[in-house]
C-alpha cells in the first residue's frame, strides 16, 4: 500500500481533522484515509455494477 506526505498543511486544518477524527473515534491517519477514500470513489466498479442492472 502506498504512502503520501502532505506538506505545509495549515495548523487550523490539522486541528479540524483531529477534531473530526475524535468525533468518529478514529486516529488522525484513519480519518484522513477515510476522507480520501470517500472523495475518490471507484467509478469504474460503479459503472460495471450499473451496466449489470441494464442487462
N, C-alpha and C. Protein backbone atom coordinates (compact mmCIF):
# COMPACT_ATOMS: atom_id res chain seq x y z
N UNK A 1 0.85 -1.17 0.00
CA UNK A 1 0.00 0.00 0.00
C UNK A 1 0.89 1.24 0.00
N UNK A 2 0.51 2.24 -0.75
CA UNK A 2 1.30 3.46 -0.90
C UNK A 2 1.12 4.39 0.28
N UNK A 3 2.07 5.28 0.43
CA UNK A 3 2.01 6.33 1.44
C UNK A 3 2.14 7.67 0.75
N UNK A 4 1.51 8.70 1.32
CA UNK A 4 1.67 10.04 0.80
C UNK A 4 2.05 10.98 1.93
N UNK A 5 2.68 12.07 1.58
CA UNK A 5 3.06 13.09 2.54
C UNK A 5 2.49 14.41 2.07
N UNK A 6 1.76 15.08 2.92
CA UNK A 6 1.19 16.39 2.58
C UNK A 6 1.97 17.44 3.35
N UNK A 7 2.66 18.28 2.62
CA UNK A 7 3.49 19.31 3.25
C UNK A 7 2.71 20.62 3.38
N UNK A 8 3.12 21.40 4.33
CA UNK A 8 2.63 22.76 4.55
C UNK A 8 1.12 22.82 4.73
N UNK A 9 0.58 21.87 5.45
CA UNK A 9 -0.84 21.85 5.76
C UNK A 9 -1.09 22.81 6.92
N UNK A 10 -2.04 23.69 6.75
CA UNK A 10 -2.35 24.71 7.76
C UNK A 10 -2.70 24.06 9.11
N UNK A 11 -2.23 24.65 10.16
CA UNK A 11 -2.49 24.12 11.51
C UNK A 11 -3.98 24.06 11.82
N UNK A 12 -4.73 25.02 11.30
CA UNK A 12 -6.18 25.00 11.53
C UNK A 12 -6.83 23.80 10.87
N UNK A 13 -6.35 23.43 9.71
CA UNK A 13 -6.87 22.25 9.01
C UNK A 13 -6.56 21.00 9.82
N UNK A 14 -5.34 20.91 10.30
CA UNK A 14 -4.96 19.76 11.13
C UNK A 14 -5.83 19.69 12.37
N UNK A 15 -6.08 20.84 12.98
CA UNK A 15 -6.94 20.87 14.17
C UNK A 15 -8.34 20.39 13.87
N UNK A 16 -8.89 20.81 12.73
CA UNK A 16 -10.23 20.36 12.36
C UNK A 16 -10.25 18.87 12.05
N UNK A 17 -9.19 18.39 11.41
CA UNK A 17 -9.10 16.95 11.13
C UNK A 17 -9.02 16.14 12.43
N UNK A 18 -8.23 16.62 13.38
CA UNK A 18 -8.12 15.93 14.67
C UNK A 18 -9.47 15.90 15.39
N UNK A 19 -10.18 17.02 15.34
CA UNK A 19 -11.50 17.09 15.99
C UNK A 19 -12.46 16.10 15.32
N UNK A 20 -12.46 16.08 14.00
CA UNK A 20 -13.34 15.17 13.26
C UNK A 20 -12.99 13.72 13.57
N UNK A 21 -11.68 13.41 13.62
CA UNK A 21 -11.24 12.05 13.93
C UNK A 21 -11.73 11.63 15.31
N UNK A 22 -11.60 12.52 16.27
CA UNK A 22 -12.04 12.22 17.63
C UNK A 22 -13.55 11.96 17.67
N UNK A 23 -14.31 12.78 16.93
CA UNK A 23 -15.76 12.61 16.89
C UNK A 23 -16.16 11.26 16.30
N UNK A 24 -15.34 10.76 15.36
CA UNK A 24 -15.63 9.48 14.73
C UNK A 24 -14.92 8.30 15.41
N UNK A 25 -14.18 8.58 16.47
CA UNK A 25 -13.50 7.51 17.20
C UNK A 25 -12.36 6.89 16.41
N UNK A 26 -11.70 7.70 15.57
CA UNK A 26 -10.61 7.19 14.74
C UNK A 26 -9.33 7.98 15.02
N UNK A 27 -8.23 7.41 14.57
CA UNK A 27 -6.97 8.14 14.61
C UNK A 27 -6.98 9.19 13.51
N UNK A 28 -6.08 10.14 13.58
CA UNK A 28 -5.96 11.16 12.55
C UNK A 28 -5.67 10.50 11.20
N UNK A 29 -4.76 9.56 11.17
CA UNK A 29 -4.42 8.86 9.93
C UNK A 29 -5.63 8.15 9.35
N UNK A 30 -6.36 7.46 10.18
CA UNK A 30 -7.54 6.73 9.72
C UNK A 30 -8.61 7.68 9.20
N UNK A 31 -8.76 8.81 9.84
CA UNK A 31 -9.76 9.79 9.40
C UNK A 31 -9.40 10.36 8.04
N UNK A 32 -8.14 10.72 7.85
CA UNK A 32 -7.70 11.27 6.56
C UNK A 32 -7.84 10.21 5.47
N UNK A 33 -7.51 8.98 5.78
CA UNK A 33 -7.65 7.89 4.81
C UNK A 33 -9.12 7.72 4.40
N UNK A 34 -10.01 7.75 5.36
CA UNK A 34 -11.44 7.64 5.08
C UNK A 34 -11.93 8.78 4.22
N UNK A 35 -11.50 10.00 4.52
CA UNK A 35 -11.89 11.17 3.74
C UNK A 35 -11.45 11.01 2.29
N UNK A 36 -10.22 10.60 2.09
CA UNK A 36 -9.70 10.42 0.73
C UNK A 36 -10.43 9.32 -0.01
N UNK A 37 -10.69 8.21 0.65
CA UNK A 37 -11.40 7.10 0.00
C UNK A 37 -12.82 7.51 -0.40
N UNK A 38 -13.48 8.31 0.42
CA UNK A 38 -14.83 8.76 0.10
C UNK A 38 -14.81 9.84 -0.99
N UNK A 39 -13.75 10.61 -1.07
CA UNK A 39 -13.66 11.69 -2.05
C UNK A 39 -13.37 11.18 -3.45
N UNK A 40 -12.77 9.98 -3.54
CA UNK A 40 -12.38 9.43 -4.84
C UNK A 40 -12.93 8.01 -4.95
N UNK A 41 -14.24 7.91 -5.22
CA UNK A 41 -14.83 6.57 -5.33
C UNK A 41 -14.33 5.83 -6.56
N UNK A 42 -14.55 4.54 -6.56
CA UNK A 42 -14.15 3.69 -7.67
C UNK A 42 -15.24 3.75 -8.74
N UNK A 43 -15.14 4.74 -9.62
CA UNK A 43 -16.17 4.94 -10.64
C UNK A 43 -16.25 3.78 -11.63
N UNK A 44 -15.12 3.18 -11.93
CA UNK A 44 -15.11 2.07 -12.88
C UNK A 44 -15.96 0.91 -12.36
N UNK A 45 -15.80 0.57 -11.09
CA UNK A 45 -16.58 -0.51 -10.50
C UNK A 45 -18.06 -0.13 -10.44
N UNK A 46 -18.34 1.13 -10.15
CA UNK A 46 -19.72 1.58 -10.08
C UNK A 46 -20.40 1.46 -11.45
N UNK A 47 -19.69 1.82 -12.51
CA UNK A 47 -20.26 1.72 -13.85
C UNK A 47 -20.52 0.26 -14.22
N UNK A 48 -19.62 -0.62 -13.83
CA UNK A 48 -19.81 -2.04 -14.12
C UNK A 48 -21.06 -2.57 -13.42
N UNK A 49 -21.27 -2.16 -12.19
CA UNK A 49 -22.48 -2.58 -11.46
C UNK A 49 -23.72 -2.02 -12.14
N UNK A 50 -23.66 -0.76 -12.57
CA UNK A 50 -24.80 -0.14 -13.24
C UNK A 50 -25.11 -0.85 -14.54
N UNK A 51 -24.11 -1.21 -15.31
CA UNK A 51 -24.32 -1.93 -16.56
C UNK A 51 -24.97 -3.28 -16.32
N UNK A 52 -24.67 -3.91 -15.21
CA UNK A 52 -25.28 -5.19 -14.86
C UNK A 52 -26.79 -5.05 -14.65
N UNK A 53 -27.24 -3.90 -14.16
CA UNK A 53 -28.67 -3.68 -13.97
C UNK A 53 -29.38 -3.41 -15.28
N UNK A 54 -28.66 -2.86 -16.23
CA UNK A 54 -29.26 -2.55 -17.53
C UNK A 54 -29.48 -3.81 -18.35
N UNK A 55 -28.61 -4.81 -18.10
CA UNK A 55 -28.54 -6.08 -18.66
C UNK A 55 -29.26 -6.52 -19.80
